[in-house]
PDB file of N, CA and C in Angstrom:
ATOM      1  N   UNK A   1       0.846  -1.186   0.000  1.00  0.00           N
ATOM      2  CA  UNK A   1       0.000   0.000   0.000  1.00  0.00           C
ATOM      3  C   UNK A   1       0.888   1.244   0.000  1.00  0.00           C
ATOM      4  N   UNK A   2       0.495   2.223  -0.774  1.00  0.00           N
ATOM      5  CA  UNK A   2       1.245   3.466  -0.865  1.00  0.00           C
ATOM      6  C   UNK A   2       0.853   4.364   0.301  1.00  0.00           C
ATOM      7  N   UNK A   3       1.869   4.943   0.939  1.00  0.00           N
ATOM      8  CA  UNK A   3       1.622   5.842   2.064  1.00  0.00           C
ATOM      9  C   UNK A   3       0.950   7.127   1.577  1.00  0.00           C
ATOM     10  N   UNK A   4       0.064   7.634   2.377  1.00  0.00           N
ATOM     11  CA  UNK A   4      -0.627   8.883   2.072  1.00  0.00           C
ATOM     12  C   UNK A   4       0.376  10.030   2.067  1.00  0.00           C
ATOM     13  N   UNK A   5       0.302  10.898   1.063  1.00  0.00           N
ATOM     14  CA  UNK A   5       1.160  12.078   0.987  1.00  0.00           C
ATOM     15  C   UNK A   5       0.405  13.293   1.506  1.00  0.00           C
ATOM     16  N   UNK A   6       1.060  14.058   2.356  1.00  0.00           N
ATOM     17  CA  UNK A   6       0.465  15.264   2.939  1.00  0.00           C
ATOM     18  C   UNK A   6       1.299  16.475   2.578  1.00  0.00           C
ATOM     19  N   UNK A   7       0.621  17.598   2.318  1.00  0.00           N
ATOM     20  CA  UNK A   7       1.369  18.843   2.184  1.00  0.00           C
ATOM     21  C   UNK A   7       1.572  19.431   3.590  1.00  0.00           C
ATOM     22  N   UNK A   8       2.273  20.539   3.664  1.00  0.00           N
ATOM     23  CA  UNK A   8       2.606  21.098   4.974  1.00  0.00           C
ATOM     24  C   UNK A   8       1.365  21.510   5.760  1.00  0.00           C
ATOM     25  N   UNK A   9       0.360  22.064   5.087  1.00  0.00           N
ATOM     26  CA  UNK A   9      -0.865  22.454   5.793  1.00  0.00           C
ATOM     27  C   UNK A   9      -1.569  21.234   6.372  1.00  0.00           C
ATOM     28  N   UNK A  10      -1.666  20.177   5.589  1.00  0.00           N
ATOM     29  CA  UNK A  10      -2.312  18.956   6.073  1.00  0.00           C
ATOM     30  C   UNK A  10      -1.540  18.360   7.249  1.00  0.00           C
ATOM     31  N   UNK A  11      -0.202  18.399   7.168  1.00  0.00           N
ATOM     32  CA  UNK A  11       0.622  17.909   8.264  1.00  0.00           C
ATOM     33  C   UNK A  11       0.388  18.740   9.523  1.00  0.00           C
ATOM     34  N   UNK A  12       0.318  20.053   9.358  1.00  0.00           N
ATOM     35  CA  UNK A  12       0.064  20.941  10.492  1.00  0.00           C
ATOM     36  C   UNK A  12      -1.302  20.646  11.120  1.00  0.00           C
ATOM     37  N   UNK A  13      -2.304  20.438  10.289  1.00  0.00           N
ATOM     38  CA  UNK A  13      -3.646  20.127  10.794  1.00  0.00           C
ATOM     39  C   UNK A  13      -3.656  18.819  11.590  1.00  0.00           C
ATOM     40  N   UNK A  14      -2.949  17.816  11.098  1.00  0.00           N
ATOM     41  CA  UNK A  14      -2.942  16.505  11.772  1.00  0.00           C
ATOM     42  C   UNK A  14      -2.140  16.505  13.061  1.00  0.00           C
ATOM     43  N   UNK A  15      -1.043  17.265  13.086  1.00  0.00           N
ATOM     44  CA  UNK A  15      -0.156  17.216  14.246  1.00  0.00           C
ATOM     45  C   UNK A  15      -0.414  18.325  15.251  1.00  0.00           C
ATOM     46  N   UNK A  16      -1.109  19.382  14.837  1.00  0.00           N
ATOM     47  CA  UNK A  16      -1.316  20.515  15.731  1.00  0.00           C
ATOM     48  C   UNK A  16      -0.080  21.396  15.846  1.00  0.00           C
ATOM     49  N   UNK A  17       0.876  21.210  14.947  1.00  0.00           N
ATOM     50  CA  UNK A  17       2.106  22.019  14.916  1.00  0.00           C
ATOM     51  C   UNK A  17       1.992  22.940  13.708  1.00  0.00           C
ATOM     52  N   UNK A  18       2.210  24.232  13.904  1.00  0.00           N
ATOM     53  CA  UNK A  18       1.982  25.242  12.874  1.00  0.00           C
ATOM     54  C   UNK A  18       2.808  24.998  11.606  1.00  0.00           C
ATOM     55  N   UNK A  19       2.255  25.413  10.462  1.00  0.00           N
ATOM     56  CA  UNK A  19       2.958  25.293   9.173  1.00  0.00           C
ATOM     57  C   UNK A  19       4.328  25.955   9.217  1.00  0.00           C
ATOM     58  N   UNK A  20       4.404  27.139   9.809  1.00  0.00           N
ATOM     59  CA  UNK A  20       5.673  27.864   9.863  1.00  0.00           C
ATOM     60  C   UNK A  20       6.719  27.089  10.661  1.00  0.00           C
ATOM     61  N   UNK A  21       6.266  26.370  11.688  1.00  0.00           N
ATOM     62  CA  UNK A  21       7.188  25.555  12.482  1.00  0.00           C
ATOM     63  C   UNK A  21       7.760  24.436  11.629  1.00  0.00           C
ATOM     64  N   UNK A  22       6.924  23.791  10.816  1.00  0.00           N
ATOM     65  CA  UNK A  22       7.426  22.736   9.929  1.00  0.00           C
ATOM     66  C   UNK A  22       8.403  23.311   8.913  1.00  0.00           C
ATOM     67  N   UNK A  23       8.121  24.504   8.394  1.00  0.00           N
ATOM     68  CA  UNK A  23       9.038  25.131   7.432  1.00  0.00           C
ATOM     69  C   UNK A  23      10.394  25.413   8.088  1.00  0.00           C
ATOM     70  N   UNK A  24      10.362  25.927   9.305  1.00  0.00           N
ATOM     71  CA  UNK A  24      11.617  26.201  10.022  1.00  0.00           C
ATOM     72  C   UNK A  24      12.373  24.911  10.302  1.00  0.00           C
ATOM     73  N   UNK A  25      11.652  23.854  10.654  1.00  0.00           N
ATOM     74  CA  UNK A  25      12.304  22.565  10.910  1.00  0.00           C
ATOM     75  C   UNK A  25      12.956  22.019   9.654  1.00  0.00           C
ATOM     76  N   UNK A  26      12.312  22.207   8.495  1.00  0.00           N
ATOM     77  CA  UNK A  26      12.927  21.755   7.241  1.00  0.00           C
ATOM     78  C   UNK A  26      14.241  22.491   6.998  1.00  0.00           C
ATOM     79  N   UNK A  27      14.272  23.769   7.294  1.00  0.00           N
ATOM     80  CA  UNK A  27      15.502  24.548   7.102  1.00  0.00           C
ATOM     81  C   UNK A  27      16.607  24.051   8.026  1.00  0.00           C
ATOM     82  N   UNK A  28      16.260  23.628   9.236  1.00  0.00           N
ATOM     83  CA  UNK A  28      17.247  23.122  10.196  1.00  0.00           C
ATOM     84  C   UNK A  28      17.693  21.713   9.864  1.00  0.00           C
ATOM     85  N   UNK A  29      16.845  20.961   9.157  1.00  0.00           N
ATOM     86  CA  UNK A  29      17.188  19.606   8.739  1.00  0.00           C
ATOM     87  C   UNK A  29      17.031  18.582   9.839  1.00  0.00           C
ATOM     88  N   UNK A  30      17.580  17.400   9.580  1.00  0.00           N
ATOM     89  CA  UNK A  30      17.526  16.303  10.554  1.00  0.00           C
ATOM     90  C   UNK A  30      18.226  16.713  11.833  1.00  0.00           C
ATOM     91  N   UNK A  31      17.811  16.311  12.986  1.00  0.00           N
ATOM     92  CA  UNK A  31      16.692  15.431  13.304  1.00  0.00           C
ATOM     93  C   UNK A  31      15.416  16.198  13.625  1.00  0.00           C
ATOM     94  N   UNK A  32      15.328  17.433  13.163  1.00  0.00           N
ATOM     95  CA  UNK A  32      14.212  18.312  13.526  1.00  0.00           C
ATOM     96  C   UNK A  32      12.967  18.113  12.673  1.00  0.00           C
ATOM     97  N   UNK A  33      13.063  17.296  11.658  1.00  0.00           N
ATOM     98  CA  UNK A  33      11.931  17.090  10.764  1.00  0.00           C
ATOM     99  C   UNK A  33      11.908  15.644  10.268  1.00  0.00           C
ATOM    100  N   UNK A  34      10.723  15.118  10.019  1.00  0.00           N
ATOM    101  CA  UNK A  34      10.672  13.798   9.393  1.00  0.00           C
ATOM    102  C   UNK A  34      11.125  13.913   7.933  1.00  0.00           C
ATOM    103  N   UNK A  35      11.477  12.794   7.298  1.00  0.00           N
ATOM    104  CA  UNK A  35      11.837  12.847   5.882  1.00  0.00           C
ATOM    105  C   UNK A  35      10.679  13.431   5.068  1.00  0.00           C
ATOM    106  N   UNK A  36      11.027  14.144   4.018  1.00  0.00           N
ATOM    107  CA  UNK A  36       9.994  14.710   3.146  1.00  0.00           C
ATOM    108  C   UNK A  36      10.437  14.604   1.705  1.00  0.00           C
ATOM    109  N   UNK A  37       9.482  14.787   0.803  1.00  0.00           N
ATOM    110  CA  UNK A  37       9.735  14.744  -0.634  1.00  0.00           C
ATOM    111  C   UNK A  37       9.655  16.155  -1.188  1.00  0.00           C
ATOM    112  N   UNK A  38      10.534  16.473  -2.081  1.00  0.00           N
ATOM    113  CA  UNK A  38      10.479  17.753  -2.783  1.00  0.00           C
ATOM    114  C   UNK A  38      10.096  17.405  -4.217  1.00  0.00           C
ATOM    115  N   UNK A  39       8.892  17.762  -4.608  1.00  0.00           N
ATOM    116  CA  UNK A  39       8.375  17.478  -5.939  1.00  0.00           C
ATOM    117  C   UNK A  39       8.135  18.817  -6.623  1.00  0.00           C
ATOM    118  N   UNK A  40       9.055  19.202  -7.479  1.00  0.00           N
ATOM    119  CA  UNK A  40       9.010  20.550  -8.043  1.00  0.00           C
ATOM    120  C   UNK A  40       9.194  21.538  -6.907  1.00  0.00           C
ATOM    121  N   UNK A  41       8.243  22.433  -6.737  1.00  0.00           N
ATOM    122  CA  UNK A  41       8.302  23.391  -5.628  1.00  0.00           C
ATOM    123  C   UNK A  41       7.477  22.934  -4.433  1.00  0.00           C
ATOM    124  N   UNK A  42       6.838  21.783  -4.565  1.00  0.00           N
ATOM    125  CA  UNK A  42       5.975  21.274  -3.493  1.00  0.00           C
ATOM    126  C   UNK A  42       6.758  20.411  -2.515  1.00  0.00           C
ATOM    127  N   UNK A  43       6.376  20.511  -1.251  1.00  0.00           N
ATOM    128  CA  UNK A  43       6.936  19.655  -0.206  1.00  0.00           C
ATOM    129  C   UNK A  43       5.826  18.701   0.225  1.00  0.00           C
ATOM    130  N   UNK A  44       6.138  17.413   0.243  1.00  0.00           N
ATOM    131  CA  UNK A  44       5.172  16.390   0.648  1.00  0.00           C
ATOM    132  C   UNK A  44       5.806  15.499   1.701  1.00  0.00           C
ATOM    133  N   UNK A  45       4.991  15.072   2.646  1.00  0.00           N
ATOM    134  CA  UNK A  45       5.412  14.154   3.695  1.00  0.00           C
ATOM    135  C   UNK A  45       4.639  12.862   3.541  1.00  0.00           C
ATOM    136  N   UNK A  46       5.339  11.729   3.638  1.00  0.00           N
ATOM    137  CA  UNK A  46       4.645  10.429   3.698  1.00  0.00           C
ATOM    138  C   UNK A  46       4.163  10.264   5.137  1.00  0.00           C
ATOM    139  N   UNK A  47       2.879   9.990   5.306  1.00  0.00           N
ATOM    140  CA  UNK A  47       2.326   9.872   6.657  1.00  0.00           C
ATOM    141  C   UNK A  47       3.021   8.761   7.435  1.00  0.00           C
ATOM    142  N   UNK A  48       3.369   7.667   6.783  1.00  0.00           N
ATOM    143  CA  UNK A  48       4.089   6.577   7.461  1.00  0.00           C
ATOM    144  C   UNK A  48       5.422   7.071   8.038  1.00  0.00           C
ATOM    145  N   UNK A  49       6.148   7.901   7.261  1.00  0.00           N
ATOM    146  CA  UNK A  49       7.427   8.453   7.739  1.00  0.00           C
ATOM    147  C   UNK A  49       7.210   9.382   8.931  1.00  0.00           C
ATOM    148  N   UNK A  50       6.145  10.169   8.874  1.00  0.00           N
ATOM    149  CA  UNK A  50       5.839  11.090   9.976  1.00  0.00           C
ATOM    150  C   UNK A  50       5.535  10.302  11.248  1.00  0.00           C
ATOM    151  N   UNK A  51       4.730   9.250  11.124  1.00  0.00           N
ATOM    152  CA  UNK A  51       4.406   8.433  12.300  1.00  0.00           C
ATOM    153  C   UNK A  51       5.655   7.803  12.912  1.00  0.00           C
ATOM    154  N   UNK A  52       6.548   7.296  12.068  1.00  0.00           N
ATOM    155  CA  UNK A  52       7.802   6.713  12.566  1.00  0.00           C
ATOM    156  C   UNK A  52       8.650   7.767  13.253  1.00  0.00           C
ATOM    157  N   UNK A  53       8.741   8.949  12.650  1.00  0.00           N
ATOM    158  CA  UNK A  53       9.538  10.034  13.222  1.00  0.00           C
ATOM    159  C   UNK A  53       8.963  10.465  14.572  1.00  0.00           C
ATOM    160  N   UNK A  54       7.648  10.613  14.641  1.00  0.00           N
ATOM    161  CA  UNK A  54       7.008  10.989  15.903  1.00  0.00           C
ATOM    162  C   UNK A  54       7.257   9.937  16.976  1.00  0.00           C
ATOM    163  N   UNK A  55       7.173   8.659  16.608  1.00  0.00           N
ATOM    164  CA  UNK A  55       7.422   7.577  17.568  1.00  0.00           C
ATOM    165  C   UNK A  55       8.855   7.638  18.091  1.00  0.00           C
ATOM    166  N   UNK A  56       9.791   8.056  17.247  1.00  0.00           N
ATOM    167  CA  UNK A  56      11.197   8.143  17.673  1.00  0.00           C
ATOM    168  C   UNK A  56      11.422   9.285  18.658  1.00  0.00           C
ATOM    169  N   UNK A  57      10.462  10.181  18.769  1.00  0.00           N
ATOM    170  CA  UNK A  57      10.563  11.333  19.679  1.00  0.00           C
ATOM    171  C   UNK A  57       9.944  11.045  21.040  1.00  0.00           C
ATOM    172  N   UNK A  58       9.474   9.840  21.250  1.00  0.00           N
ATOM    173  CA  UNK A  58       8.849   9.460  22.510  1.00  0.00           C
ATOM    174  C   UNK A  58       9.856   9.515  23.661  1.00  0.00           C
ATOM    175  N   UNK A  59       9.463  10.124  24.767  1.00  0.00           N
ATOM    176  CA  UNK A  59      10.328  10.268  25.937  1.00  0.00           C
ATOM    177  C   UNK A  59       9.608   9.776  27.189  1.00  0.00           C
ATOM    178  N   UNK A  60      10.396   9.436  28.187  1.00  0.00           N
ATOM    179  CA  UNK A  60       9.808   9.038  29.466  1.00  0.00           C
ATOM    180  C   UNK A  60      10.179  10.010  30.576  1.00  0.00           C
ATOM    181  N   UNK A  61      10.986  11.033  30.236  1.00  0.00           N
ATOM    182  CA  UNK A  61      11.402  12.030  31.220  1.00  0.00           C
ATOM    183  C   UNK A  61      11.670  13.350  30.511  1.00  0.00           C
ATOM    184  N   UNK A  62      11.379  14.463  31.147  1.00  0.00           N
ATOM    185  CA  UNK A  62      11.619  15.759  30.530  1.00  0.00           C
ATOM    186  C   UNK A  62      13.108  16.068  30.394  1.00  0.00           C
ATOM    187  N   UNK A  63      13.948  15.364  31.143  1.00  0.00           N
ATOM    188  CA  UNK A  63      15.397  15.590  31.043  1.00  0.00           C
ATOM    189  C   UNK A  63      16.040  14.730  29.956  1.00  0.00           C
ATOM    190  N   UNK A  64      15.266  13.839  29.364  1.00  0.00           N
ATOM    191  CA  UNK A  64      15.779  12.949  28.335  1.00  0.00           C
ATOM    192  C   UNK A  64      15.932  13.727  27.026  1.00  0.00           C
ATOM    193  N   UNK A  65      17.094  13.563  26.358  1.00  0.00           N
ATOM    194  CA  UNK A  65      17.302  14.218  25.067  1.00  0.00           C
ATOM    195  C   UNK A  65      16.749  13.347  23.960  1.00  0.00           C
ATOM    196  N   UNK A  66      16.191  14.017  22.936  1.00  0.00           N
ATOM    197  CA  UNK A  66      15.675  13.278  21.779  1.00  0.00           C
ATOM    198  C   UNK A  66      16.463  13.636  20.544  1.00  0.00           C
TER     199      UNK A  66
END
């Protein structure tokens, strides 16, 4: 099955993180953003990649680094 592709607005809507925050994270690069696709001038995120990236950010303590 092909993973659903989301644009930045759709990603922001699903995660509750503002579009501008995702844009800034892309500029900073890994590990601040999940992998994304650049198709022409469009940026797309595979939802499966986003879920994996979010899972990798799971913490059990506020002092734990991610």
